C-alpha atoms as a PDB file:
ATOM      1  CA  UNK A   1     -33.642  -2.205   5.677  1.00  0.00           C
ATOM      2  CA  UNK A   2     -31.148  -4.976   5.264  1.00  0.00           C
ATOM      3  CA  UNK A   3     -32.660  -7.354   8.491  1.00  0.00           C
ATOM      4  CA  UNK A   4     -34.157 -10.413   7.294  1.00  0.00           C
ATOM      5  CA  UNK A   5     -38.418  -9.196   7.887  1.00  0.00           C
ATOM      6  CA  UNK A   6     -39.018 -10.656  12.242  1.00  0.00           C
ATOM      7  CA  UNK A   7     -42.317 -10.459  12.528  1.00  0.00           C
ATOM      8  CA  UNK A   8     -42.035  -7.490  15.197  1.00  0.00           C
ATOM      9  CA  UNK A   9     -39.584  -4.962  16.270  1.00  0.00           C
ATOM     10  CA  UNK A  10     -37.417  -7.549  18.538  1.00  0.00           C
ATOM     11  CA  UNK A  11     -34.352  -9.058  18.243  1.00  0.00           C
ATOM     12  CA  UNK A  12     -35.449 -12.302  17.880  1.00  0.00           C
ATOM     13  CA  UNK A  13     -33.830 -14.651  15.231  1.00  0.00           C
ATOM     14  CA  UNK A  14     -37.824 -15.900  14.458  1.00  0.00           C
ATOM     15  CA  UNK A  15     -38.331 -15.170  10.768  1.00  0.00           C
ATOM     16  CA  UNK A  16     -41.906 -14.721   9.346  1.00  0.00           C
ATOM     17  CA  UNK A  17     -43.157 -14.165   5.995  1.00  0.00           C
ATOM     18  CA  UNK A  18     -44.269 -10.707   4.532  1.00  0.00           C
ATOM     19  CA  UNK A  19     -48.298 -10.863   4.676  1.00  0.00           C
ATOM     20  CA  UNK A  20     -48.710  -8.987   1.739  1.00  0.00           C
ATOM     21  CA  UNK A  21     -46.027 -10.518  -0.823  1.00  0.00           C
ATOM     22  CA  UNK A  22     -45.376 -13.949   0.981  1.00  0.00           C
ATOM     23  CA  UNK A  23     -41.710 -13.748   0.883  1.00  0.00           C
ATOM     24  CA  UNK A  24     -39.157 -13.102   3.547  1.00  0.00           C
ATOM     25  CA  UNK A  25     -38.824  -9.538   4.184  1.00  0.00           C
ATOM     26  CA  UNK A  26     -35.461  -8.614   3.242  1.00  0.00           C
ATOM     27  CA  UNK A  27     -34.813  -5.567   0.863  1.00  0.00           C
ATOM     28  CA  UNK A  28     -34.076  -7.721  -1.752  1.00  0.00           C
ATOM     29  CA  UNK A  29     -37.554  -9.790  -1.467  1.00  0.00           C
ATOM     30  CA  UNK A  30     -39.792  -7.225  -0.480  1.00  0.00           C
ATOM     31  CA  UNK A  31     -40.982  -4.173  -3.117  1.00  0.00           C
ATOM     32  CA  UNK A  32     -42.409  -2.629  -0.647  1.00  0.00           C
ATOM     33  CA  UNK A  33     -40.980  -2.282   2.799  1.00  0.00           C
ATOM     34  CA  UNK A  34     -42.832   0.347   4.394  1.00  0.00           C
ATOM     35  CA  UNK A  35     -46.581   0.203   3.170  1.00  0.00           C
ATOM     36  CA  UNK A  36     -46.420  -3.510   4.951  1.00  0.00           C
ATOM     37  CA  UNK A  37     -45.706  -2.695   8.148  1.00  0.00           C
ATOM     38  CA  UNK A  38     -44.323  -4.222  11.374  1.00  0.00           C
ATOM     39  CA  UNK A  39     -43.386  -7.368   9.131  1.00  0.00           C
ATOM     40  CA  UNK A  40     -41.123  -5.290   7.281  1.00  0.00           C
ATOM     41  CA  UNK A  41     -39.672  -3.010   9.070  1.00  0.00           C
ATOM     42  CA  UNK A  42     -38.063   0.704   8.019  1.00  0.00           C
ATOM     43  CA  UNK A  43     -35.498   1.416  10.441  1.00  0.00           C
ATOM     44  CA  UNK A  44     -33.100  -0.777  11.396  1.00  0.00           C
ATOM     45  CA  UNK A  45     -32.320  -3.032  14.073  1.00  0.00           C
ATOM     46  CA  UNK A  46     -30.052  -2.988  16.657  1.00  0.00           C
ATOM     47  CA  UNK A  47     -27.769  -5.853  14.892  1.00  0.00           C
ATOM     48  CA  UNK A  48     -28.516  -3.657  11.363  1.00  0.00           C
ATOM     49  CA  UNK A  49     -27.353  -0.597  12.860  1.00  0.00           C
ATOM     50  CA  UNK A  50     -23.914  -2.166  14.379  1.00  0.00           C
ATOM     51  CA  UNK A  51     -23.564  -3.877  10.572  1.00  0.00           C
ATOM     52  CA  UNK A  52     -24.042  -0.601   8.723  1.00  0.00           C
ATOM     53  CA  UNK A  53     -21.465   0.869  11.578  1.00  0.00           C
ATOM     54  CA  UNK A  54     -18.774  -1.973  10.622  1.00  0.00           C
ATOM     55  CA  UNK A  55     -19.010  -1.019   6.625  1.00  0.00           C
ATOM     56  CA  UNK A  56     -19.212   2.645   7.322  1.00  0.00           C
ATOM     57  CA  UNK A  57     -15.941   1.576   9.372  1.00  0.00           C
ATOM     58  CA  UNK A  58     -14.498  -0.133   7.214  1.00  0.00           C
ATOM     59  CA  UNK A  59     -15.134   1.992   4.028  1.00  0.00           C
ATOM     60  CA  UNK A  60     -13.422   5.058   5.905  1.00  0.00           C
ATOM     61  CA  UNK A  61     -10.238   2.734   6.591  1.00  0.00           C
ATOM     62  CA  UNK A  62     -10.134   2.272   2.831  1.00  0.00           C
ATOM     63  CA  UNK A  63     -10.130   6.406   2.394  1.00  0.00           C
ATOM     64  CA  UNK A  64      -6.934   6.641   5.326  1.00  0.00           C
ATOM     65  CA  UNK A  65      -5.372   4.302   2.877  1.00  0.00           C
ATOM     66  CA  UNK A  66      -6.407   6.642  -0.149  1.00  0.00           C
ATOM     67  CA  UNK A  67      -5.125   9.627   1.382  1.00  0.00           C
ATOM     68  CA  UNK A  68      -1.726   8.120   2.472  1.00  0.00           C
ATOM     69  CA  UNK A  69      -2.315   8.761   6.598  1.00  0.00           C
ATOM     70  CA  UNK A  70      -0.218   6.190   8.021  1.00  0.00           C
ATOM     71  CA  UNK A  71      -1.620   7.517  11.608  1.00  0.00           C
ATOM     72  CA  UNK A  72      -5.318   7.236  10.242  1.00  0.00           C
ATOM     73  CA  UNK A  73      -4.786   3.521   9.337  1.00  0.00           C
ATOM     74  CA  UNK A  74      -3.298   2.599  12.492  1.00  0.00           C
ATOM     75  CA  UNK A  75      -5.886   4.214  14.363  1.00  0.00           C
ATOM     76  CA  UNK A  76      -8.105   1.719  12.704  1.00  0.00           C
ATOM     77  CA  UNK A  77      -6.686  -1.367  14.333  1.00  0.00           C
ATOM     78  CA  UNK A  78      -6.897  -2.765  17.710  1.00  0.00           C
ATOM     79  CA  UNK A  79      -4.150  -3.364  19.957  1.00  0.00           C
ATOM     80  CA  UNK A  80      -3.648  -7.247  19.439  1.00  0.00           C
ATOM     81  CA  UNK A  81      -4.541  -6.944  15.946  1.00  0.00           C
ATOM     82  CA  UNK A  82      -2.744  -9.077  13.413  1.00  0.00           C
ATOM     83  CA  UNK A  83      -2.428  -8.297   9.111  1.00  0.00           C
ATOM     84  CA  UNK A  84      -2.015 -10.465   6.542  1.00  0.00           C
ATOM     85  CA  UNK A  85      -0.650 -10.130   3.070  1.00  0.00           C
ATOM     86  CA  UNK A  86      -1.557 -12.966   0.985  1.00  0.00           C
ATOM     87  CA  UNK A  87      -0.301 -11.244  -2.253  1.00  0.00           C
ATOM     88  CA  UNK A  88       3.193 -10.282  -0.913  1.00  0.00           C
ATOM     89  CA  UNK A  89       3.014 -13.552   1.295  1.00  0.00           C
ATOM     90  CA  UNK A  90       3.626 -11.782   4.415  1.00  0.00           C
ATOM     91  CA  UNK A  91       1.800 -11.435   8.004  1.00  0.00           C
ATOM     92  CA  UNK A  92       1.720  -8.989  10.402  1.00  0.00           C
ATOM     93  CA  UNK A  93       1.275  -9.220  14.437  1.00  0.00           C
ATOM     94  CA  UNK A  94       0.776  -6.348  16.223  1.00  0.00           C
ATOM     95  CA  UNK A  95       0.678  -2.562  15.675  1.00  0.00           C
ATOM     96  CA  UNK A  96       4.359  -1.375  15.314  1.00  0.00           C
ATOM     97  CA  UNK A  97       4.621  -4.531  12.171  1.00  0.00           C
ATOM     98  CA  UNK A  98       1.404  -3.505  11.034  1.00  0.00           C
ATOM     99  CA  UNK A  99       3.106   0.464  10.541  1.00  0.00           C
ATOM    100  CA  UNK A 100       5.699  -0.951   8.953  1.00  0.00           C
ATOM    101  CA  UNK A 101       3.714  -2.368   6.756  1.00  0.00           C
ATOM    102  CA  UNK A 102       1.953   0.466   5.922  1.00  0.00           C
ATOM    103  CA  UNK A 103       5.169   2.491   5.534  1.00  0.00           C
ATOM    104  CA  UNK A 104       6.533   0.630   3.314  1.00  0.00           C
ATOM    105  CA  UNK A 105       3.141   1.008   1.039  1.00  0.00           C
ATOM    106  CA  UNK A 106       3.003   4.633   0.957  1.00  0.00           C
ATOM    107  CA  UNK A 107       6.635   4.394   0.547  1.00  0.00           C
ATOM    108  CA  UNK A 108       6.793   1.487  -2.883  1.00  0.00           C
ATOM    109  CA  UNK A 109       3.632   4.045  -4.062  1.00  0.00           C
ATOM    110  CA  UNK A 110       3.266   7.395  -2.684  1.00  0.00           C
ATOM    111  CA  UNK A 111       0.127   7.949  -4.616  1.00  0.00           C
ATOM    112  CA  UNK A 112      -1.831   4.596  -3.486  1.00  0.00           C
ATOM    113  CA  UNK A 113      -5.365   4.242  -3.758  1.00  0.00           C
ATOM    114  CA  UNK A 114      -7.779   2.047  -1.925  1.00  0.00           C
ATOM    115  CA  UNK A 115     -11.553   1.595  -4.200  1.00  0.00           C
ATOM    116  CA  UNK A 116     -13.598   0.273  -2.576  1.00  0.00           C
ATOM    117  CA  UNK A 117     -16.449  -1.405  -4.706  1.00  0.00           C
ATOM    118  CA  UNK A 118     -18.392  -4.249  -2.167  1.00  0.00           C
ATOM    119  CA  UNK A 119     -18.716  -4.392   1.386  1.00  0.00           C
ATOM    120  CA  UNK A 120     -20.673  -7.320   3.019  1.00  0.00           C
ATOM    121  CA  UNK A 121     -20.730  -7.076   6.646  1.00  0.00           C
ATOM    122  CA  UNK A 122     -21.849 -10.144   8.892  1.00  0.00           C
ATOM    123  CA  UNK A 123     -21.626 -10.390  13.092  1.00  0.00           C
ATOM    124  CA  UNK A 124     -18.245  -8.919  13.492  1.00  0.00           C
ATOM    125  CA  UNK A 125     -16.561  -9.628  10.694  1.00  0.00           C
ATOM    126  CA  UNK A 126     -16.838  -8.431   6.839  1.00  0.00           C
ATOM    127  CA  UNK A 127     -15.317  -8.590   3.269  1.00  0.00           C
ATOM    128  CA  UNK A 128     -14.344  -6.169   0.374  1.00  0.00           C
ATOM    129  CA  UNK A 129     -13.535  -6.363  -2.707  1.00  0.00           C
ATOM    130  CA  UNK A 130     -11.968  -3.470  -3.970  1.00  0.00           C
ATOM    131  CA  UNK A 131      -9.357  -2.262  -6.188  1.00  0.00           C
ATOM    132  CA  UNK A 132      -5.831  -0.742  -5.193  1.00  0.00           C
ATOM    133  CA  UNK A 133      -3.928   1.705  -8.034  1.00  0.00           C
ATOM    134  CA  UNK A 134      -1.111   3.770  -8.005  1.00  0.00           C
ATOM    135  CA  UNK A 135       1.997   4.539  -9.642  1.00  0.00           C
ATOM    136  CA  UNK A 136       4.833   1.638  -8.367  1.00  0.00           C
ATOM    137  CA  UNK A 137       7.879   4.194  -7.843  1.00  0.00           C
ATOM    138  CA  UNK A 138       9.672   1.929  -4.884  1.00  0.00           C
ATOM    139  CA  UNK A 139      10.602  -1.466  -3.939  1.00  0.00           C
ATOM    140  CA  UNK A 140       7.968  -3.822  -2.715  1.00  0.00           C
ATOM    141  CA  UNK A 141       8.703  -7.591  -1.200  1.00  0.00           C
ATOM    142  CA  UNK A 142       9.705  -9.037  -4.394  1.00  0.00           C
ATOM    143  CA  UNK A 143       8.704  -6.520  -7.391  1.00  0.00           C
ATOM    144  CA  UNK A 144      11.738  -3.714  -7.581  1.00  0.00           C
ATOM    145  CA  UNK A 145      10.170  -0.152  -8.416  1.00  0.00           C
ATOM    146  CA  UNK A 146       9.427   0.168 -12.434  1.00  0.00           C
ATOM    147  CA  UNK A 147       8.084   3.769 -12.041  1.00  0.00           C
ATOM    148  CA  UNK A 148       4.385   2.248 -13.519  1.00  0.00           C
ATOM    149  CA  UNK A 149       1.224   2.484 -12.834  1.00  0.00           C
ATOM    150  CA  UNK A 150      -0.616  -0.660 -11.561  1.00  0.00           C
ATOM    151  CA  UNK A 151      -3.963  -0.873 -10.843  1.00  0.00           C
ATOM    152  CA  UNK A 152      -5.081  -4.335  -9.486  1.00  0.00           C
ATOM    153  CA  UNK A 153      -7.785  -5.890  -8.065  1.00  0.00           C
ATOM    154  CA  UNK A 154      -8.137  -7.170  -4.013  1.00  0.00           C
ATOM    155  CA  UNK A 155     -10.729  -8.251  -1.086  1.00  0.00           C
ATOM    156  CA  UNK A 156     -10.311  -8.395   2.416  1.00  0.00           C
ATOM    157  CA  UNK A 157     -11.630 -10.726   4.843  1.00  0.00           C
ATOM    158  CA  UNK A 158     -12.439  -8.504   8.373  1.00  0.00           C
ATOM    159  CA  UNK A 159     -12.461  -9.380  11.792  1.00  0.00           C
ATOM    160  CA  UNK A 160     -13.261  -6.529  14.659  1.00  0.00           C
ATOM    161  CA  UNK A 161     -12.607  -6.284  18.555  1.00  0.00           C
ATOM    162  CA  UNK A 162     -15.210  -3.935  18.999  1.00  0.00           C
ATOM    163  CA  UNK A 163     -14.991  -0.893  16.509  1.00  0.00           C
ATOM    164  CA  UNK A 164     -11.258  -2.148  15.811  1.00  0.00           C
ATOM    165  CA  UNK A 165     -10.059  -4.422  13.579  1.00  0.00           C
ATOM    166  CA  UNK A 166      -8.845  -7.750  15.418  1.00  0.00           C
ATOM    167  CA  UNK A 167      -7.451  -9.366  11.714  1.00  0.00           C
ATOM    168  CA  UNK A 168      -7.408  -8.545   8.250  1.00  0.00           C
ATOM    169  CA  UNK A 169      -6.417 -11.081   5.616  1.00  0.00           C
ATOM    170  CA  UNK A 170      -5.592  -9.343   1.879  1.00  0.00           C
ATOM    171  CA  UNK A 171      -5.950 -11.726  -0.539  1.00  0.00           C
ATOM    172  CA  UNK A 172      -4.900  -9.991  -4.388  1.00  0.00           C
ATOM    173  CA  UNK A 173      -3.026 -11.697  -7.574  1.00  0.00           C
ATOM    174  CA  UNK A 174       0.569 -11.316  -7.769  1.00  0.00           C
ATOM    175  CA  UNK A 175       0.632 -12.299 -11.497  1.00  0.00           C
ATOM    176  CA  UNK A 176      -2.121  -8.968 -11.833  1.00  0.00           C
ATOM    177  CA  UNK A 177       0.101  -6.367 -10.560  1.00  0.00           C
ATOM    178  CA  UNK A 178       3.042  -8.297 -12.216  1.00  0.00           C
ATOM    179  CA  UNK A 179       1.819  -7.744 -15.487  1.00  0.00           C
ATOM    180  CA  UNK A 180       0.770  -4.327 -14.757  1.00  0.00           C
ATOM    181  CA  UNK A 181       3.973  -3.004 -13.921  1.00  0.00           C
ATOM    182  CA  UNK A 182       5.863  -5.064 -16.468  1.00  0.00           C
ATOM    183  CA  UNK A 183       8.728  -6.149 -13.751  1.00  0.00           C
ATOM    184  CA  UNK A 184       9.648  -9.795 -13.607  1.00  0.00           C
END
């Protein structure tokens, strides 16, 4: 029920008003889509299903990070992918470089966890808010190991190539990490 009301079961981009409430038939605006029939479909349209698949795919990706399963993390990337981590100010091109970053992360925090708090999906792309946490037991770029726990808010911008990640850019505040682990 993420799709806007289209007025009928079709892939047309035409939007119409819900005749019962006079608003667009999105779940946020239409209080009883099931009772309104065709104007407010209860089954996802193909585009909506693809968006739900991207959301599930991204949540599974974060779960692979939380399991410290490097092979599973890598299975989400396309062959010609890139990963940019703005907190560390590093960029990785291709699977080999991305794998080195994944391995570095797990070596620096063997109990590394990623907890998604919100995922928003568009056509071939997604944004996610999440929290990373763990014990800073190994070195990270610019942050020598402290042995202290950390919890830092972050977000990612992701584009997809089919069902795989083509590009991902992670945004987080290094000062928040530094304060959390007491380094610097």
